[in-house]
């Protein structure tokens, strides 16, 4: 099982974008693409404003689903992740961890957070955004390079 966890971590490290699925208060589904970074516990951190549709949805109901995959894959080479979990704003106590994890993957954001440069177009939006953490309760790794339809599942202990 540790080998599966390591393969999931490697997959997460090799990709940048999570399609995050949420629901609003009446159950209407929504999806949004967010850049993410993960920690050793396979928690995913992302930046978003609370006023976005997915931000409002998460504040009302933290249950989420998501997918991560590369674009344009041949069907024989499809590799991807499906996941479910709960997402919430990062607490003040966990903010340094979230910023460190995210900054290691996205150096331009680390520079902006440190006030030492970065894309000027992001300064305003970043000041409105906050860190969120998605704690997976289930992850499925799909890998058609092993064989068509090959899947393995992982759940935290």
N, C-alpha and C. Protein backbone atom coordinates (compact mmCIF):
# COMPACT_ATOMS: atom_id res chain seq x y z
N UNK A 1 0.82 -1.20 0.00
CA UNK A 1 0.00 0.00 0.00
C UNK A 1 0.87 1.26 0.00
N UNK A 2 2.04 1.19 0.65
CA UNK A 2 2.93 2.34 0.67
C UNK A 2 3.38 2.69 -0.74
N UNK A 3 3.59 1.67 -1.59
CA UNK A 3 3.98 1.88 -2.97
C UNK A 3 2.89 2.67 -3.72
N UNK A 4 1.63 2.35 -3.48
CA UNK A 4 0.52 3.08 -4.10
C UNK A 4 0.53 4.53 -3.64
N UNK A 5 0.71 4.76 -2.35
CA UNK A 5 0.76 6.12 -1.82
C UNK A 5 1.89 6.91 -2.48
N UNK A 6 3.04 6.28 -2.66
CA UNK A 6 4.17 6.94 -3.32
C UNK A 6 3.85 7.26 -4.78
N UNK A 7 3.18 6.35 -5.47
CA UNK A 7 2.80 6.61 -6.87
C UNK A 7 1.79 7.74 -6.96
N UNK A 8 0.85 7.81 -5.99
CA UNK A 8 -0.10 8.92 -5.96
C UNK A 8 0.64 10.23 -5.72
N UNK A 9 1.57 10.25 -4.77
CA UNK A 9 2.34 11.46 -4.50
C UNK A 9 3.13 11.90 -5.73
N UNK A 10 3.73 10.95 -6.44
CA UNK A 10 4.48 11.28 -7.65
C UNK A 10 3.55 11.85 -8.73
N UNK A 11 2.37 11.26 -8.85
CA UNK A 11 1.40 11.77 -9.82
C UNK A 11 0.99 13.20 -9.47
N UNK A 12 0.69 13.44 -8.19
CA UNK A 12 0.31 14.79 -7.76
C UNK A 12 1.44 15.79 -8.03
N UNK A 13 2.67 15.38 -7.81
CA UNK A 13 3.82 16.26 -8.03
C UNK A 13 3.99 16.60 -9.51
N UNK A 14 3.61 15.68 -10.38
CA UNK A 14 3.82 15.86 -11.82
C UNK A 14 2.73 16.69 -12.49
N UNK A 15 1.68 17.02 -11.77
CA UNK A 15 0.57 17.77 -12.35
C UNK A 15 0.30 19.03 -11.52
N UNK A 16 -0.51 19.93 -12.06
CA UNK A 16 -0.74 21.20 -11.39
C UNK A 16 -2.21 21.57 -11.19
N UNK A 17 -3.12 20.96 -11.94
CA UNK A 17 -4.49 21.45 -11.97
C UNK A 17 -5.49 20.39 -11.53
N UNK A 18 -6.30 20.77 -10.57
CA UNK A 18 -7.37 19.94 -10.05
C UNK A 18 -8.69 20.49 -10.55
N UNK A 19 -9.54 19.63 -11.11
CA UNK A 19 -10.92 20.02 -11.39
C UNK A 19 -11.71 19.68 -10.14
N UNK A 20 -12.17 20.73 -9.47
CA UNK A 20 -12.82 20.63 -8.17
C UNK A 20 -14.33 20.69 -8.36
N UNK A 21 -15.03 19.65 -7.89
CA UNK A 21 -16.49 19.60 -8.00
C UNK A 21 -17.10 19.90 -6.63
N UNK A 22 -18.06 20.84 -6.63
CA UNK A 22 -18.76 21.24 -5.41
C UNK A 22 -20.26 21.25 -5.70
N UNK A 23 -21.05 21.46 -4.66
CA UNK A 23 -22.49 21.65 -4.85
C UNK A 23 -22.94 22.87 -4.07
N UNK A 24 -23.98 23.53 -4.57
CA UNK A 24 -24.51 24.67 -3.82
C UNK A 24 -25.58 24.18 -2.85
N UNK A 25 -26.21 25.11 -2.17
CA UNK A 25 -27.13 24.74 -1.09
C UNK A 25 -28.34 23.96 -1.57
N UNK A 26 -28.71 24.08 -2.85
CA UNK A 26 -29.84 23.28 -3.34
C UNK A 26 -29.39 22.03 -4.09
N UNK A 27 -28.09 21.73 -4.03
CA UNK A 27 -27.57 20.52 -4.64
C UNK A 27 -27.12 20.67 -6.07
N UNK A 28 -27.15 21.87 -6.63
CA UNK A 28 -26.70 22.09 -8.00
C UNK A 28 -25.18 21.92 -8.08
N UNK A 29 -24.70 21.04 -8.96
CA UNK A 29 -23.26 20.82 -9.05
C UNK A 29 -22.54 21.94 -9.79
N UNK A 30 -21.27 22.10 -9.47
CA UNK A 30 -20.41 23.06 -10.15
C UNK A 30 -19.01 22.48 -10.17
N UNK A 31 -18.21 22.90 -11.13
CA UNK A 31 -16.82 22.47 -11.22
C UNK A 31 -15.94 23.67 -11.54
N UNK A 32 -14.73 23.66 -11.00
CA UNK A 32 -13.78 24.74 -11.24
C UNK A 32 -12.38 24.14 -11.27
N UNK A 33 -11.54 24.70 -12.11
CA UNK A 33 -10.13 24.29 -12.17
C UNK A 33 -9.33 25.16 -11.23
N UNK A 34 -8.52 24.53 -10.37
CA UNK A 34 -7.66 25.27 -9.45
C UNK A 34 -6.26 24.65 -9.48
N UNK A 35 -5.24 25.51 -9.36
CA UNK A 35 -3.88 25.02 -9.20
C UNK A 35 -3.74 24.51 -7.77
N UNK A 36 -3.04 23.41 -7.59
CA UNK A 36 -2.89 22.82 -6.26
C UNK A 36 -1.44 22.44 -6.02
N UNK A 37 -1.13 22.26 -4.76
CA UNK A 37 0.13 21.65 -4.31
C UNK A 37 -0.25 20.70 -3.19
N UNK A 38 0.53 19.65 -3.00
CA UNK A 38 0.19 18.65 -1.97
C UNK A 38 1.32 18.53 -0.95
N UNK A 39 0.94 18.06 0.24
CA UNK A 39 1.94 17.82 1.28
C UNK A 39 2.16 16.31 1.43
N UNK A 40 2.97 15.92 2.41
CA UNK A 40 3.30 14.51 2.61
C UNK A 40 2.09 13.66 3.00
N UNK A 41 1.07 14.30 3.58
CA UNK A 41 -0.14 13.57 3.96
C UNK A 41 -1.14 13.47 2.81
N UNK A 42 -0.75 13.94 1.62
CA UNK A 42 -1.57 13.98 0.41
C UNK A 42 -2.73 14.96 0.52
N UNK A 43 -2.63 15.93 1.42
CA UNK A 43 -3.59 17.04 1.45
C UNK A 43 -3.27 17.97 0.29
N UNK A 44 -4.29 18.48 -0.37
CA UNK A 44 -4.09 19.39 -1.49
C UNK A 44 -4.43 20.81 -1.05
N UNK A 45 -3.55 21.76 -1.36
CA UNK A 45 -3.74 23.17 -1.01
C UNK A 45 -3.97 23.96 -2.29
N UNK A 46 -4.91 24.88 -2.24
CA UNK A 46 -5.17 25.74 -3.39
C UNK A 46 -5.56 27.12 -2.90
N UNK A 47 -5.46 28.09 -3.79
CA UNK A 47 -5.82 29.47 -3.50
C UNK A 47 -7.10 29.80 -4.23
N UNK A 48 -8.01 30.45 -3.55
CA UNK A 48 -9.25 30.89 -4.19
C UNK A 48 -9.93 31.93 -3.31
N UNK A 49 -10.75 32.73 -3.93
CA UNK A 49 -11.53 33.71 -3.19
C UNK A 49 -12.81 33.06 -2.67
N UNK A 50 -13.26 33.49 -1.51
CA UNK A 50 -14.51 32.98 -0.95
C UNK A 50 -15.71 33.39 -1.79
N UNK A 51 -15.59 34.48 -2.54
CA UNK A 51 -16.74 34.97 -3.31
C UNK A 51 -16.95 34.22 -4.62
N UNK A 52 -16.01 33.34 -5.00
CA UNK A 52 -16.21 32.54 -6.21
C UNK A 52 -17.35 31.56 -5.94
N UNK A 53 -17.91 31.01 -7.00
CA UNK A 53 -18.98 30.02 -6.84
C UNK A 53 -18.48 28.84 -6.01
N UNK A 54 -17.31 28.31 -6.34
CA UNK A 54 -16.82 27.15 -5.57
C UNK A 54 -16.47 27.55 -4.14
N UNK A 55 -15.98 28.76 -3.92
CA UNK A 55 -15.71 29.22 -2.56
C UNK A 55 -16.98 29.31 -1.73
N UNK A 56 -18.03 29.88 -2.30
CA UNK A 56 -19.32 29.95 -1.59
C UNK A 56 -19.87 28.55 -1.33
N UNK A 57 -19.74 27.68 -2.34
CA UNK A 57 -20.22 26.31 -2.18
C UNK A 57 -19.46 25.58 -1.06
N UNK A 58 -18.15 25.76 -1.02
CA UNK A 58 -17.34 25.09 0.01
C UNK A 58 -17.69 25.57 1.41
N UNK A 59 -17.98 26.86 1.55
CA UNK A 59 -18.36 27.37 2.86
C UNK A 59 -19.70 26.80 3.32
N UNK A 60 -20.57 26.47 2.36
CA UNK A 60 -21.88 25.90 2.69
C UNK A 60 -21.81 24.38 2.88
N UNK A 61 -20.96 23.71 2.10
CA UNK A 61 -20.86 22.26 2.16
C UNK A 61 -19.44 21.87 1.76
N UNK A 62 -18.61 21.43 2.70
CA UNK A 62 -17.20 21.16 2.40
C UNK A 62 -16.93 19.88 1.62
N UNK A 63 -17.96 19.08 1.35
CA UNK A 63 -17.73 17.83 0.61
C UNK A 63 -17.41 18.14 -0.84
N UNK A 64 -16.37 17.49 -1.37
CA UNK A 64 -15.93 17.73 -2.74
C UNK A 64 -15.58 16.42 -3.43
N UNK A 65 -15.47 16.52 -4.73
CA UNK A 65 -14.89 15.47 -5.56
C UNK A 65 -13.97 16.18 -6.54
N UNK A 66 -13.09 15.43 -7.16
CA UNK A 66 -12.19 16.08 -8.11
C UNK A 66 -11.50 15.08 -9.00
N UNK A 67 -10.88 15.62 -10.05
CA UNK A 67 -10.07 14.81 -10.96
C UNK A 67 -8.80 15.58 -11.31
N UNK A 68 -7.76 14.83 -11.60
CA UNK A 68 -6.49 15.39 -12.05
C UNK A 68 -6.02 14.49 -13.18
N UNK A 69 -5.67 15.09 -14.31
CA UNK A 69 -5.17 14.33 -15.44
C UNK A 69 -4.50 15.29 -16.42
N UNK A 70 -3.66 14.75 -17.28
CA UNK A 70 -3.06 15.53 -18.35
C UNK A 70 -4.03 15.59 -19.51
N UNK A 71 -3.97 16.67 -20.27
CA UNK A 71 -4.80 16.81 -21.47
C UNK A 71 -4.23 15.98 -22.61
N UNK A 72 -5.11 15.64 -23.56
CA UNK A 72 -4.69 15.07 -24.83
C UNK A 72 -4.05 13.70 -24.76
N UNK A 73 -4.46 12.87 -23.84
CA UNK A 73 -3.87 11.54 -23.72
C UNK A 73 -4.53 10.56 -24.69
N UNK A 74 -3.72 9.69 -25.26
CA UNK A 74 -4.23 8.56 -26.02
C UNK A 74 -4.92 7.63 -25.03
N UNK A 75 -6.00 6.98 -25.42
CA UNK A 75 -6.77 6.16 -24.49
C UNK A 75 -5.93 5.06 -23.86
N UNK A 76 -4.91 4.57 -24.57
CA UNK A 76 -4.06 3.51 -24.02
C UNK A 76 -3.11 4.03 -22.96
N UNK A 77 -2.92 5.35 -22.92
CA UNK A 77 -1.95 5.94 -21.99
C UNK A 77 -2.62 6.79 -20.91
N UNK A 78 -3.95 6.73 -20.82
CA UNK A 78 -4.65 7.56 -19.83
C UNK A 78 -4.17 7.23 -18.43
N UNK A 79 -3.78 8.28 -17.72
CA UNK A 79 -3.43 8.20 -16.29
C UNK A 79 -4.14 9.36 -15.63
N UNK A 80 -4.73 9.11 -14.48
CA UNK A 80 -5.41 10.19 -13.79
C UNK A 80 -5.78 9.80 -12.37
N UNK A 81 -6.26 10.79 -11.64
CA UNK A 81 -6.74 10.58 -10.28
C UNK A 81 -8.18 11.03 -10.17
N UNK A 82 -8.95 10.30 -9.43
CA UNK A 82 -10.27 10.73 -8.97
C UNK A 82 -10.16 10.79 -7.46
N UNK A 83 -10.83 11.75 -6.85
CA UNK A 83 -10.76 11.84 -5.40
C UNK A 83 -12.04 12.40 -4.82
N UNK A 84 -12.21 12.11 -3.54
CA UNK A 84 -13.29 12.69 -2.74
C UNK A 84 -12.69 13.12 -1.42
N UNK A 85 -13.31 14.11 -0.80
CA UNK A 85 -12.82 14.56 0.49
C UNK A 85 -13.60 15.76 0.98
N UNK A 86 -12.95 16.53 1.84
CA UNK A 86 -13.55 17.73 2.41
C UNK A 86 -12.55 18.86 2.25
N UNK A 87 -13.05 20.04 1.91
CA UNK A 87 -12.19 21.20 1.74
C UNK A 87 -12.67 22.33 2.66
N UNK A 88 -11.71 23.05 3.21
CA UNK A 88 -12.03 24.14 4.13
C UNK A 88 -10.93 25.19 4.05
N UNK A 89 -11.25 26.41 4.47
CA UNK A 89 -10.19 27.42 4.54
C UNK A 89 -9.09 26.96 5.50
N UNK A 90 -7.86 27.27 5.17
CA UNK A 90 -6.73 26.94 6.02
C UNK A 90 -6.79 27.82 7.27
N UNK A 91 -6.56 27.24 8.42
CA UNK A 91 -6.57 28.01 9.67
C UNK A 91 -5.31 28.86 9.75
N UNK A 92 -5.35 29.88 10.60
CA UNK A 92 -4.19 30.75 10.79
C UNK A 92 -2.98 29.95 11.24
N UNK A 93 -3.20 28.95 12.09
CA UNK A 93 -2.09 28.13 12.58
C UNK A 93 -1.45 27.32 11.46
N UNK A 94 -2.22 26.91 10.46
CA UNK A 94 -1.71 26.09 9.36
C UNK A 94 -1.27 26.91 8.15
N UNK A 95 -1.44 28.21 8.20
CA UNK A 95 -1.10 29.06 7.06
C UNK A 95 0.37 28.96 6.65
N UNK A 96 1.33 28.98 7.57
CA UNK A 96 2.73 28.85 7.14
C UNK A 96 2.99 27.54 6.39
N UNK A 97 2.39 26.44 6.85
CA UNK A 97 2.56 25.15 6.17
C UNK A 97 1.97 25.22 4.76
N UNK A 98 0.74 25.74 4.65
CA UNK A 98 0.08 25.83 3.34
C UNK A 98 0.89 26.70 2.38
N UNK A 99 1.34 27.85 2.86
CA UNK A 99 2.11 28.77 2.00
C UNK A 99 3.43 28.14 1.58
N UNK A 100 4.06 27.40 2.49
CA UNK A 100 5.32 26.73 2.16
C UNK A 100 5.14 25.65 1.12
N UNK A 101 4.12 24.81 1.30
CA UNK A 101 3.83 23.73 0.35
C UNK A 101 3.52 24.33 -1.03
N UNK A 102 2.66 25.32 -1.05
CA UNK A 102 2.25 25.93 -2.32
C UNK A 102 3.41 26.67 -2.98
N UNK A 103 4.17 27.39 -2.16
CA UNK A 103 5.29 28.17 -2.69
C UNK A 103 6.39 27.31 -3.28
N UNK A 104 6.59 26.11 -2.74
CA UNK A 104 7.61 25.22 -3.32
C UNK A 104 7.21 24.75 -4.72
N UNK A 105 5.92 24.61 -4.98
CA UNK A 105 5.48 24.16 -6.30
C UNK A 105 5.33 25.34 -7.26
N UNK A 106 4.89 26.47 -6.73
CA UNK A 106 4.65 27.65 -7.56
C UNK A 106 5.50 28.80 -7.05
N UNK A 107 6.74 28.88 -7.52
CA UNK A 107 7.71 29.86 -7.04
C UNK A 107 7.22 31.29 -7.25
N UNK A 108 6.48 31.55 -8.32
CA UNK A 108 6.00 32.91 -8.56
C UNK A 108 5.02 33.35 -7.48
N UNK A 109 4.25 32.42 -6.92
CA UNK A 109 3.34 32.76 -5.82
C UNK A 109 4.15 32.99 -4.54
N UNK A 110 5.17 32.17 -4.32
CA UNK A 110 6.02 32.36 -3.14
C UNK A 110 6.64 33.75 -3.17
N UNK A 111 7.08 34.20 -4.34
CA UNK A 111 7.68 35.53 -4.47
C UNK A 111 6.66 36.62 -4.15
N UNK A 112 5.45 36.45 -4.63
CA UNK A 112 4.39 37.43 -4.33
C UNK A 112 4.06 37.45 -2.84
N UNK A 113 3.97 36.28 -2.24
CA UNK A 113 3.65 36.20 -0.82
C UNK A 113 4.74 36.83 0.04
N UNK A 114 5.99 36.70 -0.43
CA UNK A 114 7.12 37.26 0.30
C UNK A 114 7.31 38.74 0.01
N UNK A 115 6.54 39.27 -0.97
CA UNK A 115 6.68 40.67 -1.34
C UNK A 115 7.94 40.97 -2.12
N UNK A 116 8.49 39.94 -2.78
CA UNK A 116 9.75 40.13 -3.51
C UNK A 116 9.58 39.98 -5.01
N UNK A 117 8.46 40.41 -5.54
CA UNK A 117 8.27 40.35 -6.98
C UNK A 117 7.20 39.36 -7.37
N UNK A 118 7.30 38.93 -8.60
CA UNK A 118 6.29 38.03 -9.14
C UNK A 118 5.42 38.78 -10.12
N UNK A 119 4.53 38.10 -10.80
CA UNK A 119 3.66 38.73 -11.79
C UNK A 119 2.77 39.80 -11.16
N UNK A 120 2.95 41.04 -11.58
CA UNK A 120 2.16 42.15 -11.03
C UNK A 120 0.67 41.99 -11.22
N UNK A 121 0.27 41.30 -12.29
CA UNK A 121 -1.16 41.11 -12.55
C UNK A 121 -1.83 40.27 -11.47
N UNK A 122 -1.04 39.52 -10.70
CA UNK A 122 -1.62 38.65 -9.67
C UNK A 122 -1.69 39.31 -8.30
N UNK A 123 -1.07 40.46 -8.12
CA UNK A 123 -1.01 41.08 -6.79
C UNK A 123 -2.41 41.34 -6.24
N UNK A 124 -3.28 41.98 -7.01
CA UNK A 124 -4.64 42.26 -6.56
C UNK A 124 -5.44 41.00 -6.29
N UNK A 125 -5.52 40.09 -7.26
CA UNK A 125 -6.27 38.85 -7.03
C UNK A 125 -5.73 38.03 -5.85
N UNK A 126 -4.42 37.97 -5.71
CA UNK A 126 -3.84 37.20 -4.61
C UNK A 126 -4.21 37.80 -3.26
N UNK A 127 -4.33 39.11 -3.20
CA UNK A 127 -4.69 39.74 -1.92
C UNK A 127 -6.13 39.40 -1.52
N UNK A 128 -6.96 39.03 -2.48
CA UNK A 128 -8.35 38.65 -2.20
C UNK A 128 -8.52 37.16 -1.93
N UNK A 129 -7.51 36.37 -2.31
CA UNK A 129 -7.61 34.92 -2.20
C UNK A 129 -7.15 34.45 -0.83
N UNK A 130 -7.57 33.25 -0.51
CA UNK A 130 -7.10 32.61 0.72
C UNK A 130 -6.73 31.18 0.39
N UNK A 131 -5.94 30.57 1.26
CA UNK A 131 -5.58 29.18 1.08
C UNK A 131 -6.71 28.29 1.60
N UNK A 132 -6.92 27.21 0.87
CA UNK A 132 -7.88 26.16 1.25
C UNK A 132 -7.10 24.86 1.30
N UNK A 133 -7.59 23.92 2.10
CA UNK A 133 -7.00 22.59 2.14
C UNK A 133 -8.09 21.56 1.83
N UNK A 134 -7.77 20.68 0.91
CA UNK A 134 -8.64 19.55 0.59
C UNK A 134 -8.00 18.32 1.21
N UNK A 135 -8.71 17.72 2.16
CA UNK A 135 -8.22 16.51 2.82
C UNK A 135 -8.95 15.30 2.21
N UNK A 136 -8.24 14.54 1.37
CA UNK A 136 -8.89 13.42 0.69
C UNK A 136 -9.33 12.33 1.67
N UNK A 137 -10.49 11.77 1.40
CA UNK A 137 -10.96 10.60 2.14
C UNK A 137 -10.89 9.34 1.26
N UNK A 138 -10.64 9.55 -0.04
CA UNK A 138 -10.57 8.44 -1.00
C UNK A 138 -9.89 8.96 -2.26
N UNK A 139 -8.94 8.18 -2.77
CA UNK A 139 -8.27 8.51 -4.04
C UNK A 139 -8.22 7.25 -4.90
N UNK A 140 -8.55 7.41 -6.16
CA UNK A 140 -8.44 6.32 -7.13
C UNK A 140 -7.41 6.75 -8.18
N UNK A 141 -6.38 5.94 -8.36
CA UNK A 141 -5.39 6.14 -9.40
C UNK A 141 -5.76 5.26 -10.57
N UNK A 142 -5.91 5.87 -11.74
CA UNK A 142 -6.26 5.16 -12.96
C UNK A 142 -5.03 5.15 -13.85
N UNK A 143 -4.68 3.99 -14.40
CA UNK A 143 -3.46 3.90 -15.21
C UNK A 143 -3.64 2.88 -16.33
N UNK A 144 -4.06 3.36 -17.48
CA UNK A 144 -4.25 2.47 -18.64
C UNK A 144 -2.92 2.00 -19.23
N UNK A 145 -1.78 2.56 -18.77
CA UNK A 145 -0.50 2.05 -19.25
C UNK A 145 -0.21 0.67 -18.65
N UNK A 146 -0.84 0.34 -17.54
CA UNK A 146 -0.73 -1.01 -16.95
C UNK A 146 -1.59 -1.96 -17.76
N UNK A 147 -2.87 -1.61 -17.90
CA UNK A 147 -3.82 -2.29 -18.78
C UNK A 147 -5.07 -1.43 -18.81
N UNK A 148 -5.88 -1.60 -19.82
CA UNK A 148 -7.09 -0.79 -19.95
C UNK A 148 -7.98 -0.97 -18.73
N UNK A 149 -8.38 0.13 -18.15
CA UNK A 149 -9.28 0.10 -17.00
C UNK A 149 -8.61 -0.20 -15.66
N UNK A 150 -7.27 -0.18 -15.61
CA UNK A 150 -6.57 -0.48 -14.36
C UNK A 150 -6.80 0.63 -13.34
N UNK A 151 -7.19 0.24 -12.12
CA UNK A 151 -7.48 1.20 -11.05
C UNK A 151 -6.96 0.65 -9.73
N UNK A 152 -6.47 1.57 -8.89
CA UNK A 152 -6.10 1.25 -7.52
C UNK A 152 -6.69 2.32 -6.62
N UNK A 153 -7.11 1.94 -5.42
CA UNK A 153 -7.73 2.90 -4.51
C UNK A 153 -6.95 3.01 -3.22
N UNK A 154 -6.92 4.23 -2.67
CA UNK A 154 -6.20 4.53 -1.43
C UNK A 154 -7.12 5.34 -0.52
N UNK A 155 -7.11 5.04 0.76
CA UNK A 155 -7.83 5.81 1.75
C UNK A 155 -6.89 6.06 2.92
N UNK A 156 -6.90 7.27 3.50
CA UNK A 156 -6.04 7.52 4.65
C UNK A 156 -6.46 6.65 5.83
N UNK A 157 -5.50 6.35 6.65
CA UNK A 157 -5.78 5.50 7.83
C UNK A 157 -6.49 6.29 8.90
